Amino acid sequence: TAVYYCAAREMNSVNGYVVGPGRYDYWGQGTQV
């Protein structure tokens, strides 16, 4: 149970991913679960 948010970060690497919240640039408003 929480508010769930999606986030986006522009990256050069096609196969890389990002874990830390501080490294994301854009966020949605959230949806309650």
Full PDB file with SEQRES, HELIX, SHEET, SSBOND, CRYST1, ORIGX, SCALE, CONECT and MASTER records, all heavy atoms in Angstrom:
SEQRES   1 A   33  THR ALA VAL TYR TYR CYS ALA ALA ARG GLU MET ASN SER          
SEQRES   2 A   33  VAL ASN GLY TYR VAL VAL GLY PRO GLY ARG TYR ASP TYR          
SEQRES   3 A   33  TRP GLY GLN GLY THR GLN VAL                                  
HELIX    1 AA1 PRO A   21  ARG A   23  5                                   3    
SHEET    1 AA1 2 VAL A   3  TYR A   4  0                                        
SHEET    2 AA1 2 THR A  31  GLN A  32 -1                                        
SHEET    1 AA2 2 ALA A   7  ALA A   8  0                                        
SHEET    2 AA2 2 TYR A  26  TRP A  27 -1                                        
CRYST1    1.000    1.000    1.000  90.00  90.00  90.00 P 1           1          
ORIGX1      1.000000  0.000000  0.000000        0.00000                         
ORIGX2      0.000000  1.000000  0.000000        0.00000                         
ORIGX3      0.000000  0.000000  1.000000        0.00000                         
SCALE1      1.000000  0.000000  0.000000        0.00000                         
SCALE2      0.000000  1.000000  0.000000        0.00000                         
SCALE3      0.000000  0.000000  1.000000        0.00000                         
ATOM      1  N   THR A   1       0.828  -1.203   0.000  1.00  0.00           N  
ATOM      2  CA  THR A   1       0.000   0.000   0.000  1.00  0.00           C  
ATOM      3  C   THR A   1       0.862   1.253   0.000  1.00  0.00           C  
ATOM      4  O   THR A   1       1.746   1.418   0.846  1.00  0.00           O  
ATOM      5  CB  THR A   1      -0.928   0.014   1.226  1.00  0.00           C  
ATOM      6  OG1 THR A   1      -1.849  -1.077   1.127  1.00  0.00           O  
ATOM      7  CG2 THR A   1      -1.691   1.318   1.323  1.00  0.00           C  
ATOM      8  N   ALA A   2       0.638   2.120  -0.989  1.00  0.00           N  
ATOM      9  CA  ALA A   2       1.441   3.332  -1.142  1.00  0.00           C  
ATOM     10  C   ALA A   2       0.918   4.128  -2.330  1.00  0.00           C  
ATOM     11  O   ALA A   2       0.084   3.638  -3.095  1.00  0.00           O  
ATOM     12  CB  ALA A   2       2.909   2.988  -1.374  1.00  0.00           C  
ATOM     13  N   VAL A   3       1.431   5.329  -2.463  1.00  0.00           N  
ATOM     14  CA  VAL A   3       1.270   6.075  -3.706  1.00  0.00           C  
ATOM     15  C   VAL A   3       2.421   5.668  -4.622  1.00  0.00           C  
ATOM     16  O   VAL A   3       3.579   5.701  -4.210  1.00  0.00           O  
ATOM     17  CB  VAL A   3       1.274   7.591  -3.470  1.00  0.00           C  
ATOM     18  CG1 VAL A   3       1.172   8.339  -4.798  1.00  0.00           C  
ATOM     19  CG2 VAL A   3       0.140   7.985  -2.539  1.00  0.00           C  
ATOM     20  N   TYR A   4       2.076   5.276  -5.831  1.00  0.00           N  
ATOM     21  CA  TYR A   4       3.068   4.815  -6.796  1.00  0.00           C  
ATOM     22  C   TYR A   4       3.323   5.907  -7.831  1.00  0.00           C  
ATOM     23  O   TYR A   4       2.375   6.482  -8.384  1.00  0.00           O  
ATOM     24  CB  TYR A   4       2.595   3.538  -7.479  1.00  0.00           C  
ATOM     25  CG  TYR A   4       2.759   2.320  -6.610  1.00  0.00           C  
ATOM     26  CD1 TYR A   4       1.948   2.131  -5.489  1.00  0.00           C  
ATOM     27  CD2 TYR A   4       3.740   1.363  -6.866  1.00  0.00           C  
ATOM     28  CE1 TYR A   4       2.104   1.030  -4.662  1.00  0.00           C  
ATOM     29  CE2 TYR A   4       3.904   0.253  -6.055  1.00  0.00           C  
ATOM     30  CZ  TYR A   4       3.090   0.094  -4.955  1.00  0.00           C  
ATOM     31  OH  TYR A   4       3.249  -1.005  -4.135  1.00  0.00           O  
ATOM     32  N   TYR A   5       4.608   6.158  -8.074  1.00  0.00           N  
ATOM     33  CA  TYR A   5       5.026   7.193  -9.006  1.00  0.00           C  
ATOM     34  C   TYR A   5       5.879   6.590 -10.116  1.00  0.00           C  
ATOM     35  O   TYR A   5       6.705   5.715  -9.853  1.00  0.00           O  
ATOM     36  CB  TYR A   5       5.885   8.230  -8.294  1.00  0.00           C  
ATOM     37  CG  TYR A   5       5.217   8.953  -7.155  1.00  0.00           C  
ATOM     38  CD1 TYR A   5       5.257   8.454  -5.863  1.00  0.00           C  
ATOM     39  CD2 TYR A   5       4.553  10.161  -7.371  1.00  0.00           C  
ATOM     40  CE1 TYR A   5       4.648   9.126  -4.813  1.00  0.00           C  
ATOM     41  CE2 TYR A   5       3.945  10.837  -6.324  1.00  0.00           C  
ATOM     42  CZ  TYR A   5       3.994  10.308  -5.053  1.00  0.00           C  
ATOM     43  OH  TYR A   5       3.395  10.975  -4.017  1.00  0.00           O  
ATOM     44  N   CYS A   6       5.697   7.091 -11.323  1.00  0.00           N  
ATOM     45  CA  CYS A   6       6.656   6.759 -12.366  1.00  0.00           C  
ATOM     46  C   CYS A   6       7.602   7.939 -12.562  1.00  0.00           C  
ATOM     47  O   CYS A   6       7.264   9.085 -12.231  1.00  0.00           O  
ATOM     48  CB  CYS A   6       5.979   6.365 -13.667  1.00  0.00           C  
ATOM     49  SG  CYS A   6       5.142   7.696 -14.537  1.00  0.00           S  
ATOM     50  N   ALA A   7       8.773   7.642 -13.082  1.00  0.00           N  
ATOM     51  CA  ALA A   7       9.810   8.652 -13.263  1.00  0.00           C  
ATOM     52  C   ALA A   7      10.590   8.364 -14.526  1.00  0.00           C  
ATOM     53  O   ALA A   7      10.662   7.216 -14.979  1.00  0.00           O  
ATOM     54  CB  ALA A   7      10.734   8.662 -12.046  1.00  0.00           C  
ATOM     55  N   ALA A   8      11.188   9.414 -15.068  1.00  0.00           N  
ATOM     56  CA  ALA A   8      11.932   9.311 -16.323  1.00  0.00           C  
ATOM     57  C   ALA A   8      13.275  10.004 -16.221  1.00  0.00           C  
ATOM     58  O   ALA A   8      13.398  11.056 -15.568  1.00  0.00           O  
ATOM     59  CB  ALA A   8      11.115   9.932 -17.463  1.00  0.00           C  
ATOM     60  N   ARG A   9      14.254   9.400 -16.878  1.00  0.00           N  
ATOM     61  CA  ARG A   9      15.565  10.026 -16.968  1.00  0.00           C  
ATOM     62  C   ARG A   9      16.096   9.806 -18.377  1.00  0.00           C  
ATOM     63  O   ARG A   9      16.152   8.654 -18.850  1.00  0.00           O  
ATOM     64  CB  ARG A   9      16.552   9.452 -15.964  1.00  0.00           C  
ATOM     65  CG  ARG A   9      17.967  10.037 -16.118  1.00  0.00           C  
ATOM     66  CD  ARG A   9      18.967   9.361 -15.220  1.00  0.00           C  
ATOM     67  NE  ARG A   9      20.324   9.750 -15.550  1.00  0.00           N  
ATOM     68  CZ  ARG A   9      20.971  10.755 -14.979  1.00  0.00           C  
ATOM     69  NH1 ARG A   9      20.381  11.484 -14.049  1.00  0.00           N  
ATOM     70  NH2 ARG A   9      22.209  11.037 -15.336  1.00  0.00           N  
ATOM     71  N   GLU A  10      16.494  10.887 -19.020  1.00  0.00           N  
ATOM     72  CA  GLU A  10      17.055  10.776 -20.356  1.00  0.00           C  
ATOM     73  C   GLU A  10      18.443  10.150 -20.246  1.00  0.00           C  
ATOM     74  O   GLU A  10      19.241  10.552 -19.399  1.00  0.00           O  
ATOM     75  CB  GLU A  10      17.134  12.140 -21.031  1.00  0.00           C  
ATOM     76  CG  GLU A  10      17.532  12.059 -22.482  1.00  0.00           C  
ATOM     77  CD  GLU A  10      17.378  13.396 -23.197  1.00  0.00           C  
ATOM     78  OE1 GLU A  10      16.836  14.341 -22.584  1.00  0.00           O  
ATOM     79  OE2 GLU A  10      17.805  13.490 -24.354  1.00  0.00           O  
ATOM     80  N   MET A  11      18.708   9.150 -21.100  1.00  0.00           N  
ATOM     81  CA  MET A  11      19.981   8.448 -21.031  1.00  0.00           C  
ATOM     82  C   MET A  11      20.539   8.201 -22.421  1.00  0.00           C  
ATOM     83  O   MET A  11      19.795   7.995 -23.368  1.00  0.00           O  
ATOM     84  CB  MET A  11      19.798   7.097 -20.323  1.00  0.00           C  
ATOM     85  CG  MET A  11      19.531   7.201 -18.839  1.00  0.00           C  
ATOM     86  SD  MET A  11      19.538   5.591 -18.038  1.00  0.00           S  
ATOM     87  CE  MET A  11      21.269   5.140 -18.204  1.00  0.00           C  
ATOM     88  N   ASN A  12      21.868   8.188 -22.506  1.00  0.00           N  
ATOM     89  CA  ASN A  12      22.515   7.817 -23.756  1.00  0.00           C  
ATOM     90  C   ASN A  12      22.492   6.305 -23.947  1.00  0.00           C  
ATOM     91  O   ASN A  12      22.299   5.818 -25.061  1.00  0.00           O  
ATOM     92  CB  ASN A  12      23.950   8.317 -23.776  1.00  0.00           C  
ATOM     93  CG  ASN A  12      24.017   9.835 -23.860  1.00  0.00           C  
ATOM     94  OD1 ASN A  12      23.162  10.466 -24.472  1.00  0.00           O  
ATOM     95  ND2 ASN A  12      25.028  10.413 -23.233  1.00  0.00           N  
ATOM     96  N   SER A  13      22.680   5.572 -22.846  1.00  0.00           N  
ATOM     97  CA  SER A  13      22.734   4.112 -22.927  1.00  0.00           C  
ATOM     98  C   SER A  13      21.351   3.534 -23.209  1.00  0.00           C  
ATOM     99  O   SER A  13      20.391   3.842 -22.531  1.00  0.00           O  
ATOM    100  CB  SER A  13      23.274   3.542 -21.615  1.00  0.00           C  
ATOM    101  OG  SER A  13      23.110   2.136 -21.591  1.00  0.00           O  
ATOM    102  N   VAL A  14      21.281   2.654 -24.186  1.00  0.00           N  
ATOM    103  CA  VAL A  14      20.009   2.021 -24.536  1.00  0.00           C  
ATOM    104  C   VAL A  14      19.628   0.939 -23.535  1.00  0.00           C  
ATOM    105  O   VAL A  14      18.451   0.690 -23.277  1.00  0.00           O  
ATOM    106  CB  VAL A  14      20.088   1.418 -25.953  1.00  0.00           C  
ATOM    107  CG1 VAL A  14      18.843   0.617 -26.284  1.00  0.00           C  
ATOM    108  CG2 VAL A  14      20.302   2.505 -26.985  1.00  0.00           C  
ATOM    109  N   ASN A  15      20.635   0.331 -22.916  1.00  0.00           N  
ATOM    110  CA  ASN A  15      20.370  -0.808 -22.038  1.00  0.00           C  
ATOM    111  C   ASN A  15      20.598  -0.519 -20.558  1.00  0.00           C  
ATOM    112  O   ASN A  15      20.495  -1.426 -19.738  1.00  0.00           O  
ATOM    113  CB  ASN A  15      21.240  -1.991 -22.461  1.00  0.00           C  
ATOM    114  CG  ASN A  15      20.830  -2.524 -23.824  1.00  0.00           C  
ATOM    115  OD1 ASN A  15      19.652  -2.717 -24.097  1.00  0.00           O  
ATOM    116  ND2 ASN A  15      21.816  -2.747 -24.688  1.00  0.00           N  
ATOM    117  N   GLY A  16      20.889   0.708 -20.216  1.00  0.00           N  
ATOM    118  CA  GLY A  16      21.090   1.047 -18.817  1.00  0.00           C  
ATOM    119  C   GLY A  16      19.786   1.383 -18.121  1.00  0.00           C  
ATOM    120  O   GLY A  16      18.792   1.709 -18.764  1.00  0.00           O  
ATOM    121  N   TYR A  17      19.790   1.313 -16.794  1.00  0.00           N  
ATOM    122  CA  TYR A  17      18.629   1.712 -16.009  1.00  0.00           C  
ATOM    123  C   TYR A  17      19.114   2.467 -14.782  1.00  0.00           C  
ATOM    124  O   TYR A  17      20.305   2.477 -14.468  1.00  0.00           O  
ATOM    125  CB  TYR A  17      17.768   0.508 -15.604  1.00  0.00           C  
ATOM    126  CG  TYR A  17      18.536  -0.646 -14.997  1.00  0.00           C  
ATOM    127  CD1 TYR A  17      18.998  -0.601 -13.689  1.00  0.00           C  
ATOM    128  CD2 TYR A  17      18.799  -1.781 -15.753  1.00  0.00           C  
ATOM    129  CE1 TYR A  17      19.706  -1.651 -13.142  1.00  0.00           C  
ATOM    130  CE2 TYR A  17      19.504  -2.834 -15.215  1.00  0.00           C  
ATOM    131  CZ  TYR A  17      19.955  -2.775 -13.915  1.00  0.00           C  
ATOM    132  OH  TYR A  17      20.657  -3.817 -13.381  1.00  0.00           O  
ATOM    133  N   VAL A  18      18.179   3.088 -14.108  1.00  0.00           N  
ATOM    134  CA  VAL A  18      18.512   3.987 -13.005  1.00  0.00           C  
ATOM    135  C   VAL A  18      17.717   3.560 -11.779  1.00  0.00           C  
ATOM    136  O   VAL A  18      16.513   3.328 -11.873  1.00  0.00           O  
ATOM    137  CB  VAL A  18      18.185   5.443 -13.374  1.00  0.00           C  
ATOM    138  CG1 VAL A  18      18.561   6.387 -12.243  1.00  0.00           C  
ATOM    139  CG2 VAL A  18      18.907   5.843 -14.658  1.00  0.00           C  
ATOM    140  N   VAL A  19      18.395   3.497 -10.633  1.00  0.00           N  
ATOM    141  CA  VAL A  19      17.743   3.025  -9.414  1.00  0.00           C  
ATOM    142  C   VAL A  19      17.450   4.173  -8.435  1.00  0.00           C  
ATOM    143  O   VAL A  19      16.368   4.250  -7.884  1.00  0.00           O  
ATOM    144  CB  VAL A  19      18.608   1.947  -8.735  1.00  0.00           C  
ATOM    145  CG1 VAL A  19      18.004   1.546  -7.391  1.00  0.00           C  
ATOM    146  CG2 VAL A  19      18.752   0.728  -9.634  1.00  0.00           C  
ATOM    147  N   GLY A  20      18.383   5.050  -8.221  1.00  0.00           N  
ATOM    148  CA  GLY A  20      18.237   6.096  -7.220  1.00  0.00           C  
ATOM    149  C   GLY A  20      17.219   7.142  -7.616  1.00  0.00           C  
ATOM    150  O   GLY A  20      17.241   7.651  -8.735  1.00  0.00           O  
ATOM    151  N   PRO A  21      16.287   7.503  -6.707  1.00  0.00           N  
ATOM    152  CA  PRO A  21      15.273   8.500  -7.051  1.00  0.00           C  
ATOM    153  C   PRO A  21      15.874   9.852  -7.404  1.00  0.00           C  
ATOM    154  O   PRO A  21      15.300  10.580  -8.233  1.00  0.00           O  
ATOM    155  CB  PRO A  21      14.405   8.574  -5.794  1.00  0.00           C  
ATOM    156  CG  PRO A  21      15.247   8.024  -4.696  1.00  0.00           C  
ATOM    157  CD  PRO A  21      16.132   7.001  -5.342  1.00  0.00           C  
ATOM    158  N   GLY A  22      16.996  10.187  -6.812  1.00  0.00           N  
ATOM    159  CA  GLY A  22      17.615  11.474  -7.086  1.00  0.00           C  
ATOM    160  C   GLY A  22      18.173  11.617  -8.489  1.00  0.00           C  
ATOM    161  O   GLY A  22      18.490  12.727  -8.923  1.00  0.00           O  
ATOM    162  N   ARG A  23      18.250  10.514  -9.195  1.00  0.00           N  
ATOM    163  CA  ARG A  23      18.813  10.535 -10.531  1.00  0.00           C  
ATOM    164  C   ARG A  23      17.745  10.668 -11.609  1.00  0.00           C  
ATOM    165  O   ARG A  23      18.060  10.714 -12.783  1.00  0.00           O  
ATOM    166  CB  ARG A  23      19.641   9.280 -10.754  1.00  0.00           C  
ATOM    167  CG  ARG A  23      20.833   9.165  -9.799  1.00  0.00           C  
ATOM    168  CD  ARG A  23      21.658   7.939 -10.088  1.00  0.00           C  
ATOM    169  NE  ARG A  23      22.251   7.990 -11.413  1.00  0.00           N  
ATOM    170  CZ  ARG A  23      22.791   6.938 -12.018  1.00  0.00           C  
ATOM    171  NH1 ARG A  23      22.819   5.765 -11.400  1.00  0.00           N  
ATOM    172  NH2 ARG A  23      23.318   7.052 -13.224  1.00  0.00           N  
ATOM    173  N   TYR A  24      16.499  10.709 -11.217  1.00  0.00           N  
ATOM    174  CA  TYR A  24      15.432  10.891 -12.190  1.00  0.00           C  
ATOM    175  C   TYR A  24      15.091  12.368 -12.327  1.00  0.00           C  
ATOM    176  O   TYR A  24      15.130  13.117 -11.344  1.00  0.00           O  
ATOM    177  CB  TYR A  24      14.193  10.089 -11.783  1.00  0.00           C  
ATOM    178  CG  TYR A  24      14.314   8.624 -12.117  1.00  0.00           C  
ATOM    179  CD1 TYR A  24      14.878   7.732 -11.215  1.00  0.00           C  
ATOM    180  CD2 TYR A  24      13.882   8.148 -13.344  1.00  0.00           C  
ATOM    181  CE1 TYR A  24      15.008   6.389 -11.532  1.00  0.00           C  
ATOM    182  CE2 TYR A  24      13.992   6.801 -13.664  1.00  0.00           C  
ATOM    183  CZ  TYR A  24      14.556   5.927 -12.755  1.00  0.00           C  
ATOM    184  OH  TYR A  24      14.675   4.599 -13.071  1.00  0.00           O  
ATOM    185  N   ASP A  25      14.731  12.746 -13.531  1.00  0.00           N  
ATOM    186  CA  ASP A  25      14.501  14.154 -13.830  1.00  0.00           C  
ATOM    187  C   ASP A  25      13.029  14.532 -13.841  1.00  0.00           C  
ATOM    188  O   ASP A  25      12.682  15.688 -13.574  1.00  0.00           O  
ATOM    189  CB  ASP A  25      15.092  14.495 -15.203  1.00  0.00           C  
ATOM    190  CG  ASP A  25      16.579  14.210 -15.264  1.00  0.00           C  
ATOM    191  OD1 ASP A  25      17.297  14.647 -14.332  1.00  0.00           O  
ATOM    192  OD2 ASP A  25      17.021  13.560 -16.224  1.00  0.00           O  
ATOM    193  N   TYR A  26      12.165  13.590 -14.177  1.00  0.00           N  
ATOM    194  CA  TYR A  26      10.742  13.887 -14.333  1.00  0.00           C  
ATOM    195  C   TYR A  26       9.925  12.859 -13.564  1.00  0.00           C  
ATOM    196  O   TYR A  26      10.257  11.669 -13.542  1.00  0.00           O  
ATOM    197  CB  TYR A  26      10.352  13.874 -15.819  1.00  0.00           C  
ATOM    198  CG  TYR A  26      11.178  14.809 -16.651  1.00  0.00           C  
ATOM    199  CD1 TYR A  26      12.241  14.350 -17.404  1.00  0.00           C  
ATOM    200  CD2 TYR A  26      10.911  16.186 -16.647  1.00  0.00           C  
ATOM    201  CE1 TYR A  26      13.017  15.215 -18.149  1.00  0.00           C  
ATOM    202  CE2 TYR A  26      11.676  17.053 -17.392  1.00  0.00           C  
ATOM    203  CZ  TYR A  26      12.731  16.560 -18.144  1.00  0.00           C  
ATOM    204  OH  TYR A  26      13.496  17.428 -18.872  1.00  0.00           O  
ATOM    205  N   TRP A  27       8.833  13.365 -12.987  1.00  0.00           N  
ATOM    206  CA  TRP A  27       7.974  12.536 -12.152  1.00  0.00           C  
ATOM    207  C   TRP A  27       6.510  12.759 -12.497  1.00  0.00           C  
ATOM    208  O   TRP A  27       6.107  13.878 -12.857  1.00  0.00           O  
ATOM    209  CB  TRP A  27       8.185  12.881 -10.675  1.00  0.00           C  
ATOM    210  CG  TRP A  27       9.539  12.512 -10.162  1.00  0.00           C  
ATOM    211  CD1 TRP A  27      10.689  13.251 -10.287  1.00  0.00           C  
ATOM    212  CD2 TRP A  27       9.897  11.329  -9.472  1.00  0.00           C  
ATOM    213  NE1 TRP A  27      11.740  12.582  -9.716  1.00  0.00           N  
ATOM    214  CE2 TRP A  27      11.281  11.396  -9.196  1.00  0.00           C  
ATOM    215  CE3 TRP A  27       9.188  10.202  -9.046  1.00  0.00           C  
ATOM    216  CZ2 TRP A  27      11.957  10.390  -8.525  1.00  0.00           C  
ATOM    217  CZ3 TRP A  27       9.859   9.206  -8.384  1.00  0.00           C  
ATOM    218  CH2 TRP A  27      11.222   9.298  -8.117  1.00  0.00           C  
ATOM    219  N   GLY A  28       5.735  11.704 -12.336  1.00  0.00           N  
ATOM    220  CA  GLY A  28       4.283  11.844 -12.444  1.00  0.00           C  
ATOM    221  C   GLY A  28       3.686  12.277 -11.120  1.00  0.00           C  
ATOM    222  O   GLY A  28       4.406  12.468 -10.133  1.00  0.00           O  
ATOM    223  N   GLN A  29       2.366  12.394 -11.090  1.00  0.00           N  
ATOM    224  CA  GLN A  29       1.688  12.895  -9.902  1.00  0.00           C  
ATOM    225  C   GLN A  29       1.368  11.788  -8.910  1.00  0.00           C  
ATOM    226  O   GLN A  29       1.010  12.060  -7.768  1.00  0.00           O  
ATOM    227  CB  GLN A  29       0.391  13.632 -10.285  1.00  0.00           C  
ATOM    228  CG  GLN A  29      -0.823  12.739 -10.525  1.00  0.00           C  
ATOM    229  CD  GLN A  29      -0.730  11.880 -11.776  1.00  0.00           C  
ATOM    230  OE1 GLN A  29       0.130  12.098 -12.635  1.00  0.00           O  
ATOM    231  NE2 GLN A  29      -1.627  10.911 -11.906  1.00  0.00           N  
ATOM    232  N   GLY A  30       1.459  10.547  -9.346  1.00  0.00           N  
ATOM    233  CA  GLY A  30       1.239   9.408  -8.473  1.00  0.00           C  
ATOM    234  C   GLY A  30      -0.171   8.837  -8.572  1.00  0.00           C  
ATOM    235  O   GLY A  30      -1.119   9.533  -8.944  1.00  0.00           O  
ATOM    236  N   THR A  31      -0.277   7.559  -8.244  1.00  0.00           N  
ATOM    237  CA  THR A  31      -1.572   6.881  -8.196  1.00  0.00           C  
ATOM    238  C   THR A  31      -1.603   6.003  -6.943  1.00  0.00           C  
ATOM    239  O   THR A  31      -0.625   5.322  -6.633  1.00  0.00           O  
ATOM    240  CB  THR A  31      -1.822   6.061  -9.475  1.00  0.00           C  
ATOM    241  OG1 THR A  31      -3.137   5.511  -9.445  1.00  0.00           O  
ATOM    242  CG2 THR A  31      -0.821   4.929  -9.641  1.00  0.00           C  
ATOM    243  N   GLN A  32      -2.716   6.055  -6.223  1.00  0.00           N  
ATOM    244  CA  GLN A  32      -2.819   5.355  -4.950  1.00  0.00           C  
ATOM    245  C   GLN A  32      -3.124   3.875  -5.160  1.00  0.00           C  
ATOM    246  O   GLN A  32      -4.045   3.523  -5.914  1.00  0.00           O  
ATOM    247  CB  GLN A  32      -3.929   5.981  -4.095  1.00  0.00           C  
ATOM    248  CG  GLN A  32      -4.188   5.290  -2.769  1.00  0.00           C  
ATOM    249  CD  GLN A  32      -3.065   5.463  -1.779  1.00  0.00           C  
ATOM    250  OE1 GLN A  32      -2.581   6.571  -1.556  1.00  0.00           O  
ATOM    251  NE2 GLN A  32      -2.642   4.369  -1.151  1.00  0.00           N  
ATOM    252  N   VAL A  33      -2.370   3.040  -4.472  1.00  0.00           N  
ATOM    253  CA  VAL A  33      -2.637   1.602  -4.429  1.00  0.00           C  
ATOM    254  C   VAL A  33      -2.878   1.228  -2.971  1.00  0.00           C  
ATOM    255  O   VAL A  33      -2.039   1.504  -2.111  1.00  0.00           O  
ATOM    256  CB  VAL A  33      -1.461   0.796  -4.997  1.00  0.00           C  
ATOM    257  CG1 VAL A  33      -1.662  -0.698  -4.744  1.00  0.00           C  
ATOM    258  CG2 VAL A  33      -1.301   1.073  -6.486  1.00  0.00           C  
TER     259      VAL A  33                                                      
MASTER        0    0    0    1    4    0    0    6  258    1    0    3          
END                                                                             
